[in-house]
Amino acid sequence: MKFLLILSFVSTLLLSSSECNKKKTNSILKGRLEIKGICYNYTIKLIEGSLDTSLITAKWTDENTGKNYSDVFGLAEACKFPNSIKEGEEFNFIVDTIESEPCIVCNAYYLPPSRKIKIKVVDN
């Protein structure tokens, strides 16, 4: 009987921990569209919130303009990003962990940061 109680308690702790991690991963962050490169080669700056530092580029230089940026990442999935967001505009987002169909964009290239994140823009 004690074994079942302990097992039940451990299961509850694991589920609670899993839910906390899920909420932390999907916390609302604020970003700014720094570069709206051709064919959705977008560069986004993390303005508010925290992300695993391995997901963003701490310091990056745009090879086309020579301008330096900090705490940026490239857009990993273009089809879900609203076309209405303009360069310099801030928006809220979450890291999108839901699998989706591949999306097709044109082949022109504007070199964004090498680290890319799949995000979903959300309302306030």
C-alpha atoms as a PDB file:
ATOM      1  CA  MET A   1       0.000   0.000   0.000  1.00  0.00           C
ATOM      2  CA  LYS A   2       2.827   2.427   0.873  1.00  0.00           C
ATOM      3  CA  PHE A   3       4.430   1.631  -2.494  1.00  0.00           C
ATOM      4  CA  LEU A   4       1.240   2.648  -4.355  1.00  0.00           C
ATOM      5  CA  LEU A   5       0.994   5.904  -2.404  1.00  0.00           C
ATOM      6  CA  ILE A   6       4.614   6.750  -3.161  1.00  0.00           C
ATOM      7  CA  LEU A   7       4.148   5.844  -6.829  1.00  0.00           C
ATOM      8  CA  SER A   8       1.023   8.005  -7.006  1.00  0.00           C
ATOM      9  CA  PHE A   9       2.845  10.919  -5.366  1.00  0.00           C
ATOM     10  CA  VAL A  10       5.819  10.618  -7.738  1.00  0.00           C
ATOM     11  CA  SER A  11       3.472  10.493 -10.751  1.00  0.00           C
ATOM     12  CA  THR A  12       1.725  13.643  -9.557  1.00  0.00           C
ATOM     13  CA  LEU A  13       5.060  15.425  -9.148  1.00  0.00           C
ATOM     14  CA  LEU A  14       6.196  14.405 -12.631  1.00  0.00           C
ATOM     15  CA  LEU A  15       2.962  15.591 -14.218  1.00  0.00           C
ATOM     16  CA  SER A  16       3.126  18.892 -12.339  1.00  0.00           C
ATOM     17  CA  SER A  17       6.731  19.383 -13.393  1.00  0.00           C
ATOM     18  CA  SER A  18       5.827  18.597 -16.986  1.00  0.00           C
ATOM     19  CA  GLU A  19       3.006  21.159 -16.934  1.00  0.00           C
ATOM     20  CA  CYS A  20       5.330  23.820 -15.473  1.00  0.00           C
ATOM     21  CA  ASN A  21       7.898  23.194 -18.172  1.00  0.00           C
ATOM     22  CA  LYS A  22       5.211  23.391 -20.858  1.00  0.00           C
ATOM     23  CA  LYS A  23       3.953  26.723 -19.511  1.00  0.00           C
ATOM     24  CA  LYS A  24       7.474  28.106 -19.309  1.00  0.00           C
ATOM     25  CA  THR A  25       8.214  27.061 -22.896  1.00  0.00           C
ATOM     26  CA  ASN A  26       5.006  28.700 -24.136  1.00  0.00           C
ATOM     27  CA  SER A  27       5.359  31.933 -22.176  1.00  0.00           C
ATOM     28  CA  ILE A  28       4.558  35.084 -24.107  1.00  0.00           C
ATOM     29  CA  LEU A  29       7.645  36.921 -25.307  1.00  0.00           C
ATOM     30  CA  LYS A  30       8.046  40.254 -27.067  1.00  0.00           C
ATOM     31  CA  GLY A  31      10.042  40.666 -30.248  1.00  0.00           C
ATOM     32  CA  ARG A  32      10.749  43.273 -32.897  1.00  0.00           C
ATOM     33  CA  LEU A  33      11.073  42.603 -36.600  1.00  0.00           C
ATOM     34  CA  GLU A  34      14.524  44.017 -37.320  1.00  0.00           C
ATOM     35  CA  ILE A  35      14.961  42.915 -40.934  1.00  0.00           C
ATOM     36  CA  LYS A  36      12.187  41.933 -43.311  1.00  0.00           C
ATOM     37  CA  GLY A  37      14.444  40.208 -45.825  1.00  0.00           C
ATOM     38  CA  ILE A  38      13.270  38.910 -49.168  1.00  0.00           C
ATOM     39  CA  CYS A  39      11.370  35.591 -49.172  1.00  0.00           C
ATOM     40  CA  TYR A  40      10.735  35.601 -45.412  1.00  0.00           C
ATOM     41  CA  ASN A  41      14.394  35.701 -44.465  1.00  0.00           C
ATOM     42  CA  TYR A  42      13.439  37.722 -41.385  1.00  0.00           C
ATOM     43  CA  THR A  43      15.571  38.727 -38.420  1.00  0.00           C
ATOM     44  CA  ILE A  44      13.782  39.122 -35.089  1.00  0.00           C
ATOM     45  CA  LYS A  45      15.150  40.665 -31.891  1.00  0.00           C
ATOM     46  CA  LEU A  46      14.066  39.380 -28.485  1.00  0.00           C
ATOM     47  CA  ILE A  47      12.865  42.473 -26.576  1.00  0.00           C
ATOM     48  CA  GLU A  48      11.169  41.005 -23.469  1.00  0.00           C
ATOM     49  CA  GLY A  49      11.192  37.581 -21.875  1.00  0.00           C
ATOM     50  CA  SER A  50      13.832  34.924 -21.745  1.00  0.00           C
ATOM     51  CA  LEU A  51      14.786  32.169 -24.121  1.00  0.00           C
ATOM     52  CA  ASP A  52      17.416  29.491 -23.926  1.00  0.00           C
ATOM     53  CA  THR A  53      20.563  31.310 -25.053  1.00  0.00           C
ATOM     54  CA  SER A  54      21.347  28.461 -27.457  1.00  0.00           C
ATOM     55  CA  LEU A  55      18.280  29.492 -29.487  1.00  0.00           C
ATOM     56  CA  ILE A  56      19.318  33.089 -30.145  1.00  0.00           C
ATOM     57  CA  THR A  57      22.397  34.834 -31.466  1.00  0.00           C
ATOM     58  CA  ALA A  58      23.887  37.179 -28.856  1.00  0.00           C
ATOM     59  CA  LYS A  59      25.743  39.338 -31.399  1.00  0.00           C
ATOM     60  CA  TRP A  60      25.200  39.272 -35.157  1.00  0.00           C
ATOM     61  CA  THR A  61      26.230  41.518 -38.045  1.00  0.00           C
ATOM     62  CA  ASP A  62      24.083  41.882 -41.158  1.00  0.00           C
ATOM     63  CA  GLU A  63      26.523  41.191 -44.005  1.00  0.00           C
ATOM     64  CA  ASN A  64      24.506  43.361 -46.401  1.00  0.00           C
ATOM     65  CA  THR A  65      24.478  46.531 -44.295  1.00  0.00           C
ATOM     66  CA  GLY A  66      27.272  46.016 -41.752  1.00  0.00           C
ATOM     67  CA  LYS A  67      24.807  46.881 -38.964  1.00  0.00           C
ATOM     68  CA  ASN A  68      25.231  45.053 -35.627  1.00  0.00           C
ATOM     69  CA  TYR A  69      22.367  43.415 -33.742  1.00  0.00           C
ATOM     70  CA  SER A  70      22.062  41.659 -30.376  1.00  0.00           C
ATOM     71  CA  ASP A  71      19.771  38.886 -29.119  1.00  0.00           C
ATOM     72  CA  VAL A  72      18.379  38.006 -32.548  1.00  0.00           C
ATOM     73  CA  PHE A  73      17.192  34.932 -34.399  1.00  0.00           C
ATOM     74  CA  GLY A  74      15.929  34.025 -37.833  1.00  0.00           C
ATOM     75  CA  LEU A  75      12.345  33.052 -38.545  1.00  0.00           C
ATOM     76  CA  ALA A  76      12.208  29.254 -38.912  1.00  0.00           C
ATOM     77  CA  GLU A  77       8.719  29.006 -40.401  1.00  0.00           C
ATOM     78  CA  ALA A  78       7.493  31.785 -42.643  1.00  0.00           C
ATOM     79  CA  CYS A  79       3.965  30.709 -43.497  1.00  0.00           C
ATOM     80  CA  LYS A  80       2.541  31.449 -40.044  1.00  0.00           C
ATOM     81  CA  PHE A  81       4.132  34.896 -39.685  1.00  0.00           C
ATOM     82  CA  PRO A  82       1.711  37.768 -40.386  1.00  0.00           C
ATOM     83  CA  ASN A  83       2.677  39.725 -43.490  1.00  0.00           C
ATOM     84  CA  SER A  84       1.186  42.850 -41.883  1.00  0.00           C
ATOM     85  CA  ILE A  85       4.083  43.206 -39.399  1.00  0.00           C
ATOM     86  CA  LYS A  86       6.563  45.777 -40.670  1.00  0.00           C
ATOM     87  CA  GLU A  87      10.252  46.345 -39.926  1.00  0.00           C
ATOM     88  CA  GLY A  88      10.710  47.991 -36.539  1.00  0.00           C
ATOM     89  CA  GLU A  89       7.310  46.812 -35.310  1.00  0.00           C
ATOM     90  CA  GLU A  90       7.040  44.997 -31.982  1.00  0.00           C
ATOM     91  CA  PHE A  91       4.819  41.966 -31.456  1.00  0.00           C
ATOM     92  CA  ASN A  92       4.121  39.235 -28.925  1.00  0.00           C
ATOM     93  CA  PHE A  93       4.951  35.627 -29.691  1.00  0.00           C
ATOM     94  CA  ILE A  94       5.416  32.162 -28.273  1.00  0.00           C
ATOM     95  CA  VAL A  95       7.838  29.461 -29.350  1.00  0.00           C
ATOM     96  CA  ASP A  96       5.755  27.186 -31.573  1.00  0.00           C
ATOM     97  CA  THR A  97       6.292  23.516 -30.780  1.00  0.00           C
ATOM     98  CA  ILE A  98       3.410  22.182 -32.879  1.00  0.00           C
ATOM     99  CA  GLU A  99       4.405  20.169 -35.936  1.00  0.00           C
ATOM    100  CA  SER A 100       3.025  21.566 -39.179  1.00  0.00           C
ATOM    101  CA  GLU A 101       3.177  20.933 -42.882  1.00  0.00           C
ATOM    102  CA  PRO A 102       6.231  22.296 -44.670  1.00  0.00           C
ATOM    103  CA  CYS A 103       5.665  25.677 -46.206  1.00  0.00           C
ATOM    104  CA  ILE A 104       6.997  26.750 -49.561  1.00  0.00           C
ATOM    105  CA  VAL A 105       8.579  30.159 -50.080  1.00  0.00           C
ATOM    106  CA  CYS A 106      10.661  31.600 -52.898  1.00  0.00           C
ATOM    107  CA  ASN A 107      14.358  30.799 -53.261  1.00  0.00           C
ATOM    108  CA  ALA A 108      15.898  34.275 -53.077  1.00  0.00           C
ATOM    109  CA  TYR A 109      18.080  34.603 -50.024  1.00  0.00           C
ATOM    110  CA  TYR A 110      18.972  37.331 -47.547  1.00  0.00           C
ATOM    111  CA  LEU A 111      21.322  35.940 -44.924  1.00  0.00           C
ATOM    112  CA  PRO A 112      19.572  35.975 -41.511  1.00  0.00           C
ATOM    113  CA  PRO A 113      21.172  34.826 -38.223  1.00  0.00           C
ATOM    114  CA  SER A 114      22.076  31.135 -38.319  1.00  0.00           C
ATOM    115  CA  ARG A 115      19.940  30.291 -35.285  1.00  0.00           C
ATOM    116  CA  LYS A 116      16.269  30.079 -36.184  1.00  0.00           C
ATOM    117  CA  ILE A 117      13.155  29.623 -34.083  1.00  0.00           C
ATOM    118  CA  LYS A 118       9.676  28.559 -35.096  1.00  0.00           C
ATOM    119  CA  ILE A 119       7.323  31.101 -33.502  1.00  0.00           C
ATOM    120  CA  LYS A 120       3.644  31.953 -33.425  1.00  0.00           C
ATOM    121  CA  VAL A 121       2.550  35.587 -33.161  1.00  0.00           C
ATOM    122  CA  VAL A 122      -0.130  36.045 -30.472  1.00  0.00           C
ATOM    123  CA  ASP A 123      -2.382  38.857 -29.267  1.00  0.00           C
ATOM    124  CA  ASN A 124      -1.605  40.697 -26.034  1.00  0.00           C
END
